[in-house]
C-alpha atoms as a PDB file:
ATOM      1  CA  UNK A   1     149.000-227.619   7.228  1.00  0.00           C
ATOM      2  CA  UNK A   2     152.180-229.441   8.257  1.00  0.00           C
ATOM      3  CA  UNK A   3     153.305-228.894  11.842  1.00  0.00           C
ATOM      4  CA  UNK A   4     157.026-228.102  11.919  1.00  0.00           C
ATOM      5  CA  UNK A   5     158.463-227.165  15.306  1.00  0.00           C
ATOM      6  CA  UNK A   6     162.214-227.048  14.546  1.00  0.00           C
ATOM      7  CA  UNK A   7     164.203-225.280  11.859  1.00  0.00           C
ATOM      8  CA  UNK A   8     167.762-224.177  11.185  1.00  0.00           C
ATOM      9  CA  UNK A   9     168.326-220.956   9.273  1.00  0.00           C
ATOM     10  CA  UNK A  10     171.184-218.639   8.348  1.00  0.00           C
ATOM     11  CA  UNK A  11     170.752-214.896   8.847  1.00  0.00           C
ATOM     12  CA  UNK A  12     173.065-212.307   7.340  1.00  0.00           C
ATOM     13  CA  UNK A  13     173.165-208.578   7.925  1.00  0.00           C
ATOM     14  CA  UNK A  14     173.648-206.327   4.910  1.00  0.00           C
ATOM     15  CA  UNK A  15     177.065-205.021   3.933  1.00  0.00           C
ATOM     16  CA  UNK A  16     177.736-201.328   4.500  1.00  0.00           C
ATOM     17  CA  UNK A  17     178.189-199.141   1.448  1.00  0.00           C
ATOM     18  CA  UNK A  18     181.656-197.891   0.514  1.00  0.00           C
ATOM     19  CA  UNK A  19     182.778-194.327   1.051  1.00  0.00           C
ATOM     20  CA  UNK A  20     184.086-192.465  -1.998  1.00  0.00           C
ATOM     21  CA  UNK A  21     186.841-190.068  -2.926  1.00  0.00           C
ATOM     22  CA  UNK A  22     185.538-186.883  -4.537  1.00  0.00           C
ATOM     23  CA  UNK A  23     186.448-183.172  -4.729  1.00  0.00           C
ATOM     24  CA  UNK A  24     184.390-180.092  -5.265  1.00  0.00           C
ATOM     25  CA  UNK A  25     185.170-178.675  -8.715  1.00  0.00           C
ATOM     26  CA  UNK A  26     182.596-175.909  -9.168  1.00  0.00           C
ATOM     27  CA  UNK A  27     183.866-172.934 -11.135  1.00  0.00           C
ATOM     28  CA  UNK A  28     183.188-170.368  -8.410  1.00  0.00           C
ATOM     29  CA  UNK A  29     184.243-172.469  -5.390  1.00  0.00           C
ATOM     30  CA  UNK A  30     187.988-171.893  -4.974  1.00  0.00           C
ATOM     31  CA  UNK A  31     189.871-174.673  -3.184  1.00  0.00           C
ATOM     32  CA  UNK A  32     186.666-176.679  -2.919  1.00  0.00           C
ATOM     33  CA  UNK A  33     188.394-179.518  -1.118  1.00  0.00           C
ATOM     34  CA  UNK A  34     187.371-183.129  -0.513  1.00  0.00           C
ATOM     35  CA  UNK A  35     183.645-183.910  -0.626  1.00  0.00           C
ATOM     36  CA  UNK A  36     183.365-187.713  -0.722  1.00  0.00           C
ATOM     37  CA  UNK A  37     180.381-188.986   1.220  1.00  0.00           C
ATOM     38  CA  UNK A  38     180.027-191.955   3.550  1.00  0.00           C
ATOM     39  CA  UNK A  39     178.417-195.252   2.592  1.00  0.00           C
ATOM     40  CA  UNK A  40     175.041-196.254   3.944  1.00  0.00           C
ATOM     41  CA  UNK A  41     174.569-198.840   6.711  1.00  0.00           C
ATOM     42  CA  UNK A  42     173.649-202.431   5.837  1.00  0.00           C
ATOM     43  CA  UNK A  43     170.263-203.714   6.926  1.00  0.00           C
ATOM     44  CA  UNK A  44     169.721-205.546  10.230  1.00  0.00           C
ATOM     45  CA  UNK A  45     167.878-208.861  10.521  1.00  0.00           C
ATOM     46  CA  UNK A  46     165.156-208.990  13.188  1.00  0.00           C
ATOM     47  CA  UNK A  47     162.780-211.785  14.224  1.00  0.00           C
ATOM     48  CA  UNK A  48     159.260-210.703  15.204  1.00  0.00           C
ATOM     49  CA  UNK A  49     156.694-212.884  16.998  1.00  0.00           C
ATOM     50  CA  UNK A  50     153.393-213.174  15.113  1.00  0.00           C
ATOM     51  CA  UNK A  51     150.374-214.832  16.741  1.00  0.00           C
ATOM     52  CA  UNK A  52     148.902-215.592  13.313  1.00  0.00           C
ATOM     53  CA  UNK A  53     151.597-218.222  12.721  1.00  0.00           C
ATOM     54  CA  UNK A  54     151.393-221.707  14.254  1.00  0.00           C
ATOM     55  CA  UNK A  55     154.330-223.540  12.663  1.00  0.00           C
ATOM     56  CA  UNK A  56     157.878-223.098  11.372  1.00  0.00           C
ATOM     57  CA  UNK A  57     156.900-224.600   8.029  1.00  0.00           C
ATOM     58  CA  UNK A  58     158.058-221.578   5.996  1.00  0.00           C
ATOM     59  CA  UNK A  59     161.639-222.137   7.131  1.00  0.00           C
ATOM     60  CA  UNK A  60     161.691-225.583   5.535  1.00  0.00           C
ATOM     61  CA  UNK A  61     161.672-223.968   2.095  1.00  0.00           C
ATOM     62  CA  UNK A  62     163.849-220.921   2.703  1.00  0.00           C
ATOM     63  CA  UNK A  63     166.963-221.231   4.861  1.00  0.00           C
ATOM     64  CA  UNK A  64     168.947-218.063   4.081  1.00  0.00           C
ATOM     65  CA  UNK A  65     167.684-214.629   5.100  1.00  0.00           C
ATOM     66  CA  UNK A  66     169.929-211.776   4.000  1.00  0.00           C
ATOM     67  CA  UNK A  67     169.228-208.089   4.548  1.00  0.00           C
ATOM     68  CA  UNK A  68     170.007-205.577   1.802  1.00  0.00           C
ATOM     69  CA  UNK A  69     173.333-203.771   1.441  1.00  0.00           C
ATOM     70  CA  UNK A  70     173.870-200.067   1.976  1.00  0.00           C
ATOM     71  CA  UNK A  71     174.672-197.953  -1.077  1.00  0.00           C
ATOM     72  CA  UNK A  72     177.968-196.172  -1.659  1.00  0.00           C
ATOM     73  CA  UNK A  73     178.403-192.521  -0.731  1.00  0.00           C
ATOM     74  CA  UNK A  74     178.022-189.663  -3.171  1.00  0.00           C
ATOM     75  CA  UNK A  75     179.766-186.396  -3.962  1.00  0.00           C
ATOM     76  CA  UNK A  76     179.108-183.210  -1.997  1.00  0.00           C
ATOM     77  CA  UNK A  77     179.303-185.241   1.219  1.00  0.00           C
ATOM     78  CA  UNK A  78     176.118-187.121   0.413  1.00  0.00           C
ATOM     79  CA  UNK A  79     175.688-190.238   2.531  1.00  0.00           C
ATOM     80  CA  UNK A  80     174.562-193.377   0.759  1.00  0.00           C
ATOM     81  CA  UNK A  81     171.156-194.859   1.539  1.00  0.00           C
ATOM     82  CA  UNK A  82     170.947-197.340   4.403  1.00  0.00           C
ATOM     83  CA  UNK A  83     169.119-200.601   3.791  1.00  0.00           C
ATOM     84  CA  UNK A  84     165.875-201.194   5.731  1.00  0.00           C
ATOM     85  CA  UNK A  85     165.639-203.792   8.476  1.00  0.00           C
ATOM     86  CA  UNK A  86     164.650-207.278   7.340  1.00  0.00           C
ATOM     87  CA  UNK A  87     161.761-208.424   9.564  1.00  0.00           C
ATOM     88  CA  UNK A  88     161.170-212.193   9.744  1.00  0.00           C
ATOM     89  CA  UNK A  89     157.855-213.298  11.327  1.00  0.00           C
ATOM     90  CA  UNK A  90     157.971-216.359  13.593  1.00  0.00           C
ATOM     91  CA  UNK A  91     155.247-218.016  15.724  1.00  0.00           C
ATOM     92  CA  UNK A  92     154.790-216.928  19.317  1.00  0.00           C
ATOM     93  CA  UNK A  93     156.644-219.371  21.546  1.00  0.00           C
ATOM     94  CA  UNK A  94     159.767-219.609  19.367  1.00  0.00           C
ATOM     95  CA  UNK A  95     163.098-220.091  21.106  1.00  0.00           C
ATOM     96  CA  UNK A  96     166.154-218.846  19.211  1.00  0.00           C
ATOM     97  CA  UNK A  97     169.561-220.448  19.818  1.00  0.00           C
ATOM     98  CA  UNK A  98     173.021-220.168  18.316  1.00  0.00           C
ATOM     99  CA  UNK A  99     173.262-223.414  16.341  1.00  0.00           C
ATOM    100  CA  UNK A 100     176.982-223.797  17.043  1.00  0.00           C
ATOM    101  CA  UNK A 101     176.994-223.269  20.815  1.00  0.00           C
ATOM    102  CA  UNK A 102     173.368-223.929  21.781  1.00  0.00           C
ATOM    103  CA  UNK A 103     173.273-220.642  23.713  1.00  0.00           C
ATOM    104  CA  UNK A 104     169.745-219.233  24.064  1.00  0.00           C
ATOM    105  CA  UNK A 105     169.586-215.857  22.319  1.00  0.00           C
ATOM    106  CA  UNK A 106     165.926-215.096  22.925  1.00  0.00           C
ATOM    107  CA  UNK A 107     162.456-216.462  23.606  1.00  0.00           C
ATOM    108  CA  UNK A 108     159.675-214.759  21.655  1.00  0.00           C
ATOM    109  CA  UNK A 109     156.442-215.360  23.556  1.00  0.00           C
ATOM    110  CA  UNK A 110     154.431-212.150  23.084  1.00  0.00           C
ATOM    111  CA  UNK A 111     152.972-211.021  19.779  1.00  0.00           C
ATOM    112  CA  UNK A 112     155.046-208.165  18.361  1.00  0.00           C
ATOM    113  CA  UNK A 113     158.122-209.013  20.446  1.00  0.00           C
ATOM    114  CA  UNK A 114     161.326-208.576  18.445  1.00  0.00           C
ATOM    115  CA  UNK A 115     164.846-209.980  18.578  1.00  0.00           C
ATOM    116  CA  UNK A 116     167.748-208.581  16.548  1.00  0.00           C
ATOM    117  CA  UNK A 117     169.763-211.573  15.324  1.00  0.00           C
ATOM    118  CA  UNK A 118     172.222-210.065  12.808  1.00  0.00           C
ATOM    119  CA  UNK A 119     173.446-206.489  12.649  1.00  0.00           C
ATOM    120  CA  UNK A 120     174.184-204.786   9.372  1.00  0.00           C
ATOM    121  CA  UNK A 121     177.692-203.575   8.527  1.00  0.00           C
ATOM    122  CA  UNK A 122     178.762-199.982   9.049  1.00  0.00           C
ATOM    123  CA  UNK A 123     179.185-197.794   5.985  1.00  0.00           C
ATOM    124  CA  UNK A 124     182.638-196.770   4.838  1.00  0.00           C
ATOM    125  CA  UNK A 125     184.007-193.238   5.261  1.00  0.00           C
ATOM    126  CA  UNK A 126     184.393-190.783   2.396  1.00  0.00           C
ATOM    127  CA  UNK A 127     187.588-188.814   1.886  1.00  0.00           C
ATOM    128  CA  UNK A 128     185.984-185.746   3.501  1.00  0.00           C
ATOM    129  CA  UNK A 129     186.656-187.456   6.865  1.00  0.00           C
ATOM    130  CA  UNK A 130     190.411-187.470   6.275  1.00  0.00           C
ATOM    131  CA  UNK A 131     190.888-183.736   5.703  1.00  0.00           C
ATOM    132  CA  UNK A 132     193.592-182.308   7.977  1.00  0.00           C
ATOM    133  CA  UNK A 133     196.027-179.422   8.135  1.00  0.00           C
ATOM    134  CA  UNK A 134     198.744-181.697   6.827  1.00  0.00           C
ATOM    135  CA  UNK A 135     196.631-183.241   4.082  1.00  0.00           C
ATOM    136  CA  UNK A 136     194.359-180.735   2.375  1.00  0.00           C
ATOM    137  CA  UNK A 137     193.481-183.065  -0.518  1.00  0.00           C
ATOM    138  CA  UNK A 138     193.108-186.578   0.898  1.00  0.00           C
ATOM    139  CA  UNK A 139     192.550-189.301  -1.662  1.00  0.00           C
ATOM    140  CA  UNK A 140     191.656-191.933   0.906  1.00  0.00           C
ATOM    141  CA  UNK A 141     188.319-193.537   1.658  1.00  0.00           C
ATOM    142  CA  UNK A 142     187.266-196.792   3.395  1.00  0.00           C
ATOM    143  CA  UNK A 143     185.104-199.683   2.339  1.00  0.00           C
ATOM    144  CA  UNK A 144     181.927-200.686   4.072  1.00  0.00           C
ATOM    145  CA  UNK A 145     181.976-203.476   6.655  1.00  0.00           C
ATOM    146  CA  UNK A 146     180.338-206.857   6.161  1.00  0.00           C
ATOM    147  CA  UNK A 147     177.219-207.593   8.186  1.00  0.00           C
ATOM    148  CA  UNK A 148     177.036-210.288  10.851  1.00  0.00           C
ATOM    149  CA  UNK A 149     176.205-213.820   9.799  1.00  0.00           C
ATOM    150  CA  UNK A 150     174.807-216.439  12.184  1.00  0.00           C
ATOM    151  CA  UNK A 151     173.348-219.916  11.964  1.00  0.00           C
ATOM    152  CA  UNK A 152     170.279-220.117  14.207  1.00  0.00           C
ATOM    153  CA  UNK A 153     168.297-223.031  15.587  1.00  0.00           C
ATOM    154  CA  UNK A 154     164.596-222.217  15.954  1.00  0.00           C
ATOM    155  CA  UNK A 155     162.461-224.324  18.290  1.00  0.00           C
ATOM    156  CA  UNK A 156     158.744-223.791  18.692  1.00  0.00           C
ATOM    157  CA  UNK A 157     157.211-224.557  22.088  1.00  0.00           C
ATOM    158  CA  UNK A 158     153.445-224.278  22.137  1.00  0.00           C
ATOM    159  CA  UNK A 159     151.898-221.678  24.422  1.00  0.00           C
ATOM    160  CA  UNK A 160     149.253-223.741  26.232  1.00  0.00           C
ATOM    161  CA  UNK A 161     148.181-223.574  29.860  1.00  0.00           C
ATOM    162  CA  UNK A 162     147.033-227.203  30.096  1.00  0.00           C
ATOM    163  CA  UNK A 163     148.772-230.192  28.512  1.00  0.00           C
ATOM    164  CA  UNK A 164     147.012-233.548  28.026  1.00  0.00           C
ATOM    165  CA  UNK A 165     149.496-236.426  28.173  1.00  0.00           C
ATOM    166  CA  UNK A 166     149.298-240.208  28.231  1.00  0.00           C
ATOM    167  CA  UNK A 167     150.036-243.406  26.357  1.00  0.00           C
ATOM    168  CA  UNK A 168     148.848-243.848  22.762  1.00  0.00           C
ATOM    169  CA  UNK A 169     145.120-244.512  22.411  1.00  0.00           C
ATOM    170  CA  UNK A 170     144.293-243.217  25.898  1.00  0.00           C
ATOM    171  CA  UNK A 171     141.671-240.897  24.391  1.00  0.00           C
ATOM    172  CA  UNK A 172     143.537-237.582  24.480  1.00  0.00           C
ATOM    173  CA  UNK A 173     142.286-236.435  21.073  1.00  0.00           C
ATOM    174  CA  UNK A 174     138.710-237.397  21.925  1.00  0.00           C
ATOM    175  CA  UNK A 175     138.927-235.434  25.168  1.00  0.00           C
ATOM    176  CA  UNK A 176     140.188-232.234  23.541  1.00  0.00           C
ATOM    177  CA  UNK A 177     137.564-232.570  20.792  1.00  0.00           C
ATOM    178  CA  UNK A 178     134.680-232.633  23.314  1.00  0.00           C
ATOM    179  CA  UNK A 179     136.165-229.903  25.510  1.00  0.00           C
ATOM    180  CA  UNK A 180     136.878-227.493  22.646  1.00  0.00           C
ATOM    181  CA  UNK A 181     136.260-226.859  18.969  1.00  0.00           C
ATOM    182  CA  UNK A 182     139.456-228.682  17.993  1.00  0.00           C
ATOM    183  CA  UNK A 183     138.940-231.489  15.475  1.00  0.00           C
ATOM    184  CA  UNK A 184     141.977-233.798  15.636  1.00  0.00           C
ATOM    185  CA  UNK A 185     142.112-237.125  13.838  1.00  0.00           C
ATOM    186  CA  UNK A 186     140.500-239.840  15.979  1.00  0.00           C
ATOM    187  CA  UNK A 187     140.702-243.575  15.263  1.00  0.00           C
ATOM    188  CA  UNK A 188     140.732-246.879  17.110  1.00  0.00           C
ATOM    189  CA  UNK A 189     144.466-247.505  16.810  1.00  0.00           C
ATOM    190  CA  UNK A 190     147.607-246.064  18.439  1.00  0.00           C
ATOM    191  CA  UNK A 191     149.500-243.013  17.166  1.00  0.00           C
ATOM    192  CA  UNK A 192     146.591-241.423  15.310  1.00  0.00           C
ATOM    193  CA  UNK A 193     147.902-238.112  16.665  1.00  0.00           C
ATOM    194  CA  UNK A 194     151.178-237.266  14.947  1.00  0.00           C
ATOM    195  CA  UNK A 195     151.350-233.577  15.861  1.00  0.00           C
ATOM    196  CA  UNK A 196     150.183-231.571  18.899  1.00  0.00           C
ATOM    197  CA  UNK A 197     146.647-230.221  18.723  1.00  0.00           C
ATOM    198  CA  UNK A 198     145.498-227.002  20.361  1.00  0.00           C
ATOM    199  CA  UNK A 199     141.975-226.271  21.567  1.00  0.00           C
ATOM    200  CA  UNK A 200     140.451-223.358  23.474  1.00  0.00           C
ATOM    201  CA  UNK A 201     138.213-224.348  26.396  1.00  0.00           C
ATOM    202  CA  UNK A 202     135.913-221.675  27.796  1.00  0.00           C
ATOM    203  CA  UNK A 203     135.764-220.984  31.528  1.00  0.00           C
ATOM    204  CA  UNK A 204     132.418-220.137  33.150  1.00  0.00           C
ATOM    205  CA  UNK A 205     133.591-216.504  33.098  1.00  0.00           C
ATOM    206  CA  UNK A 206     133.929-216.678  29.306  1.00  0.00           C
ATOM    207  CA  UNK A 207     137.729-216.488  29.258  1.00  0.00           C
ATOM    208  CA  UNK A 208     139.491-218.999  27.040  1.00  0.00           C
ATOM    209  CA  UNK A 209     142.127-221.475  28.204  1.00  0.00           C
ATOM    210  CA  UNK A 210     144.399-223.188  25.689  1.00  0.00           C
ATOM    211  CA  UNK A 211     144.673-226.982  26.014  1.00  0.00           C
ATOM    212  CA  UNK A 212     147.326-228.980  24.126  1.00  0.00           C
ATOM    213  CA  UNK A 213     146.914-232.641  23.158  1.00  0.00           C
ATOM    214  CA  UNK A 214     150.433-234.108  23.038  1.00  0.00           C
ATOM    215  CA  UNK A 215     151.092-237.186  20.841  1.00  0.00           C
ATOM    216  CA  UNK A 216     151.242-240.423  22.819  1.00  0.00           C
ATOM    217  CA  UNK A 217     154.285-241.203  24.895  1.00  0.00           C
ATOM    218  CA  UNK A 218     155.794-244.653  25.116  1.00  0.00           C
ATOM    219  CA  UNK A 219     158.496-246.139  27.308  1.00  0.00           C
ATOM    220  CA  UNK A 220     161.833-244.617  26.350  1.00  0.00           C
ATOM    221  CA  UNK A 221     160.274-241.487  24.819  1.00  0.00           C
ATOM    222  CA  UNK A 222     162.640-239.156  26.704  1.00  0.00           C
ATOM    223  CA  UNK A 223     165.577-241.047  25.179  1.00  0.00           C
ATOM    224  CA  UNK A 224     164.193-240.832  21.637  1.00  0.00           C
ATOM    225  CA  UNK A 225     161.743-243.717  21.291  1.00  0.00           C
ATOM    226  CA  UNK A 226     158.449-243.281  19.476  1.00  0.00           C
ATOM    227  CA  UNK A 227     156.951-239.866  18.749  1.00  0.00           C
ATOM    228  CA  UNK A 228     156.584-238.372  22.197  1.00  0.00           C
ATOM    229  CA  UNK A 229     160.199-237.269  22.591  1.00  0.00           C
ATOM    230  CA  UNK A 230     159.741-234.835  19.688  1.00  0.00           C
ATOM    231  CA  UNK A 231     156.905-233.087  21.499  1.00  0.00           C
ATOM    232  CA  UNK A 232     157.785-233.239  25.201  1.00  0.00           C
ATOM    233  CA  UNK A 233     159.189-229.721  24.820  1.00  0.00           C
ATOM    234  CA  UNK A 234     155.678-228.457  24.112  1.00  0.00           C
ATOM    235  CA  UNK A 235     154.528-229.087  27.677  1.00  0.00           C
ATOM    236  CA  UNK A 236     157.457-227.235  29.247  1.00  0.00           C
ATOM    237  CA  UNK A 237     155.425-224.005  29.254  1.00  0.00           C
ATOM    238  CA  UNK A 238     152.174-225.497  30.574  1.00  0.00           C
ATOM    239  CA  UNK A 239     150.919-224.691  34.055  1.00  0.00           C
ATOM    240  CA  UNK A 240     149.038-227.957  34.521  1.00  0.00           C
ATOM    241  CA  UNK A 241     149.202-231.486  33.101  1.00  0.00           C
ATOM    242  CA  UNK A 242     146.235-233.819  32.689  1.00  0.00           C
ATOM    243  CA  UNK A 243     147.590-237.367  32.741  1.00  0.00           C
ATOM    244  CA  UNK A 244     145.016-239.452  30.905  1.00  0.00           C
ATOM    245  CA  UNK A 245     144.855-243.226  31.467  1.00  0.00           C
ATOM    246  CA  UNK A 246     142.866-245.850  29.594  1.00  0.00           C
ATOM    247  CA  UNK A 247     140.642-247.376  32.285  1.00  0.00           C
ATOM    248  CA  UNK A 248     140.094-250.368  30.000  1.00  0.00           C
ATOM    249  CA  UNK A 249     143.811-251.249  30.116  1.00  0.00           C
ATOM    250  CA  UNK A 250     144.813-254.505  31.742  1.00  0.00           C
ATOM    251  CA  UNK A 251     147.264-252.692  34.057  1.00  0.00           C
ATOM    252  CA  UNK A 252     146.522-249.002  34.530  1.00  0.00           C
ATOM    253  CA  UNK A 253     149.181-248.677  37.210  1.00  0.00           C
ATOM    254  CA  UNK A 254     151.881-249.890  34.811  1.00  0.00           C
ATOM    255  CA  UNK A 255     150.627-247.423  32.188  1.00  0.00           C
ATOM    256  CA  UNK A 256     150.747-244.646  34.758  1.00  0.00           C
ATOM    257  CA  UNK A 257     154.286-245.539  35.813  1.00  0.00           C
ATOM    258  CA  UNK A 258     155.587-245.477  32.216  1.00  0.00           C
ATOM    259  CA  UNK A 259     154.578-241.871  31.598  1.00  0.00           C
ATOM    260  CA  UNK A 260     155.633-240.724  35.059  1.00  0.00           C
ATOM    261  CA  UNK A 261     159.111-242.163  34.451  1.00  0.00           C
ATOM    262  CA  UNK A 262     159.363-240.408  31.100  1.00  0.00           C
ATOM    263  CA  UNK A 263     158.494-237.050  32.647  1.00  0.00           C
ATOM    264  CA  UNK A 264     161.227-237.531  35.211  1.00  0.00           C
ATOM    265  CA  UNK A 265     163.761-238.734  32.636  1.00  0.00           C
ATOM    266  CA  UNK A 266     163.124-235.796  30.322  1.00  0.00           C
ATOM    267  CA  UNK A 267     163.765-233.286  33.105  1.00  0.00           C
ATOM    268  CA  UNK A 268     163.194-229.554  32.545  1.00  0.00           C
ATOM    269  CA  UNK A 269     160.870-229.557  35.567  1.00  0.00           C
ATOM    270  CA  UNK A 270     158.136-231.666  33.937  1.00  0.00           C
ATOM    271  CA  UNK A 271     157.965-234.116  36.855  1.00  0.00           C
ATOM    272  CA  UNK A 272     157.294-231.199  39.227  1.00  0.00           C
ATOM    273  CA  UNK A 273     154.413-229.705  37.253  1.00  0.00           C
ATOM    274  CA  UNK A 274     150.979-229.957  38.925  1.00  0.00           C
ATOM    275  CA  UNK A 275     149.090-232.947  37.530  1.00  0.00           C
ATOM    276  CA  UNK A 276     145.583-234.307  37.457  1.00  0.00           C
ATOM    277  CA  UNK A 277     145.382-238.070  36.971  1.00  0.00           C
ATOM    278  CA  UNK A 278     142.277-239.050  35.014  1.00  0.00           C
ATOM    279  CA  UNK A 279     140.887-242.471  34.100  1.00  0.00           C
ATOM    280  CA  UNK A 280     139.167-242.319  30.714  1.00  0.00           C
ATOM    281  CA  UNK A 281     136.734-244.772  29.049  1.00  0.00           C
ATOM    282  CA  UNK A 282     135.016-245.512  32.328  1.00  0.00           C
ATOM    283  CA  UNK A 283     131.741-246.105  30.474  1.00  0.00           C
ATOM    284  CA  UNK A 284     132.907-249.524  29.249  1.00  0.00           C
ATOM    285  CA  UNK A 285     133.467-250.848  32.795  1.00  0.00           C
ATOM    286  CA  UNK A 286     130.994-251.975  35.430  1.00  0.00           C
ATOM    287  CA  UNK A 287     130.873-250.128  38.734  1.00  0.00           C
ATOM    288  CA  UNK A 288     132.941-252.705  40.650  1.00  0.00           C
ATOM    289  CA  UNK A 289     135.740-252.634  38.060  1.00  0.00           C
ATOM    290  CA  UNK A 290     135.685-248.845  38.029  1.00  0.00           C
ATOM    291  CA  UNK A 291     136.199-248.747  41.806  1.00  0.00           C
ATOM    292  CA  UNK A 292     138.984-251.322  41.529  1.00  0.00           C
ATOM    293  CA  UNK A 293     140.881-249.315  38.925  1.00  0.00           C
ATOM    294  CA  UNK A 294     140.489-246.034  40.799  1.00  0.00           C
ATOM    295  CA  UNK A 295     141.669-247.649  44.041  1.00  0.00           C
ATOM    296  CA  UNK A 296     144.700-249.191  42.316  1.00  0.00           C
ATOM    297  CA  UNK A 297     145.854-245.844  40.939  1.00  0.00           C
ATOM    298  CA  UNK A 298     145.221-244.109  44.251  1.00  0.00           C
ATOM    299  CA  UNK A 299     147.221-246.791  46.093  1.00  0.00           C
ATOM    300  CA  UNK A 300     150.163-246.277  43.734  1.00  0.00           C
ATOM    301  CA  UNK A 301     150.792-243.098  45.655  1.00  0.00           C
ATOM    302  CA  UNK A 302     151.822-240.768  42.888  1.00  0.00           C
ATOM    303  CA  UNK A 303     153.963-237.799  43.768  1.00  0.00           C
ATOM    304  CA  UNK A 304     153.843-234.446  45.460  1.00  0.00           C
ATOM    305  CA  UNK A 305     152.818-232.824  42.170  1.00  0.00           C
ATOM    306  CA  UNK A 306     149.466-234.637  42.092  1.00  0.00           C
ATOM    307  CA  UNK A 307     146.676-232.170  42.793  1.00  0.00           C
ATOM    308  CA  UNK A 308     144.163-234.846  43.828  1.00  0.00           C
ATOM    309  CA  UNK A 309     145.214-238.072  45.488  1.00  0.00           C
ATOM    310  CA  UNK A 310     142.178-239.852  44.077  1.00  0.00           C
ATOM    311  CA  UNK A 311     142.044-239.971  40.262  1.00  0.00           C
ATOM    312  CA  UNK A 312     139.014-238.672  38.402  1.00  0.00           C
ATOM    313  CA  UNK A 313     136.905-241.095  36.374  1.00  0.00           C
ATOM    314  CA  UNK A 314     135.512-239.832  33.057  1.00  0.00           C
ATOM    315  CA  UNK A 315     134.326-240.925  29.654  1.00  0.00           C
ATOM    316  CA  UNK A 316     135.295-238.495  26.916  1.00  0.00           C
ATOM    317  CA  UNK A 317     133.110-240.373  24.421  1.00  0.00           C
ATOM    318  CA  UNK A 318     129.933-239.877  26.492  1.00  0.00           C
ATOM    319  CA  UNK A 319     130.984-236.653  28.296  1.00  0.00           C
ATOM    320  CA  UNK A 320     130.651-238.409  31.642  1.00  0.00           C
ATOM    321  CA  UNK A 321     132.580-236.716  34.472  1.00  0.00           C
ATOM    322  CA  UNK A 322     133.834-233.784  32.398  1.00  0.00           C
ATOM    323  CA  UNK A 323     132.372-231.095  34.677  1.00  0.00           C
ATOM    324  CA  UNK A 324     134.379-232.213  37.757  1.00  0.00           C
ATOM    325  CA  UNK A 325     137.474-232.404  35.560  1.00  0.00           C
ATOM    326  CA  UNK A 326     137.048-228.863  34.287  1.00  0.00           C
ATOM    327  CA  UNK A 327     136.290-227.592  37.786  1.00  0.00           C
ATOM    328  CA  UNK A 328     139.538-229.105  39.083  1.00  0.00           C
ATOM    329  CA  UNK A 329     141.442-227.507  36.196  1.00  0.00           C
ATOM    330  CA  UNK A 330     139.946-224.047  36.810  1.00  0.00           C
ATOM    331  CA  UNK A 331     140.673-224.236  40.540  1.00  0.00           C
ATOM    332  CA  UNK A 332     144.319-225.086  39.929  1.00  0.00           C
ATOM    333  CA  UNK A 333     144.809-222.366  37.295  1.00  0.00           C
ATOM    334  CA  UNK A 334     143.172-219.791  39.566  1.00  0.00           C
ATOM    335  CA  UNK A 335     145.444-220.903  42.397  1.00  0.00           C
ATOM    336  CA  UNK A 336     148.480-220.416  40.137  1.00  0.00           C
ATOM    337  CA  UNK A 337     147.385-216.890  39.251  1.00  0.00           C
ATOM    338  CA  UNK A 338     146.845-215.891  42.872  1.00  0.00           C
ATOM    339  CA  UNK A 339     150.171-217.336  44.078  1.00  0.00           C
END
């Protein structure tokens, strides 16, 4: 399945039905008078969050969503049928903006949550509405109104509590694959992850926590370089970031600084999110080199958002050090819930 997290669509409410001009002409109804009915209302367009959807792929193939029109009125003051509401399912976590102004219209995060995005037109009035003492046989009716039409920008932001970030080939996909049942593509070259991956990690209590593996960031990602800038939005909703470093890198501090700068450059509060700094691939280093790398990262100082001043050392490939990592994650998430 292709992961599409942005789409532009046009939504159009249905046109209201026209009113009609009609008169009662039954044989035994003297002076029957005007009896033209009103037109029916055009259908509304409503977006509904659906937790069974994970991507905006459907909107790549269909861009126009138009509700049905109301039907015209009938004789004997019969009102025309109104068109039903057009419901459009979207994934949970979809932001809806006016494409022309960028104004946020709604943020659908809960399954079943709805947002009306285009109202249907009102039905026209039949000539029965224009009866008066001065005009006993009005021959006037009105047409139905057009429905609203809007161009919308849809942006999907994943609903994950923990985001795993880092440079390409830091081992993010391997980590999420051993923590959860997720099976992302893993290979010994950069940018094997081209789309975010979600995995559910079980707490000791049995509750599930959603982790997101974000494609590798590179220097300049916040300004549009590489792949990471396309997916930085997906960690805006996370409560905790796990910053994964390749312990086998020649300069782990430089790697750390690159990603930290990108978080700050992107804005949206990412630099202030609580973070765990983790050195991965520790199994390929001897004990002295491990201590040297950990000390170098700790000496860098980090920021106020770091949960632990001393980075954790793990090996996702051998599952070394994963229990302390998970324990630190659970403690931070529990602290967020209690605060």
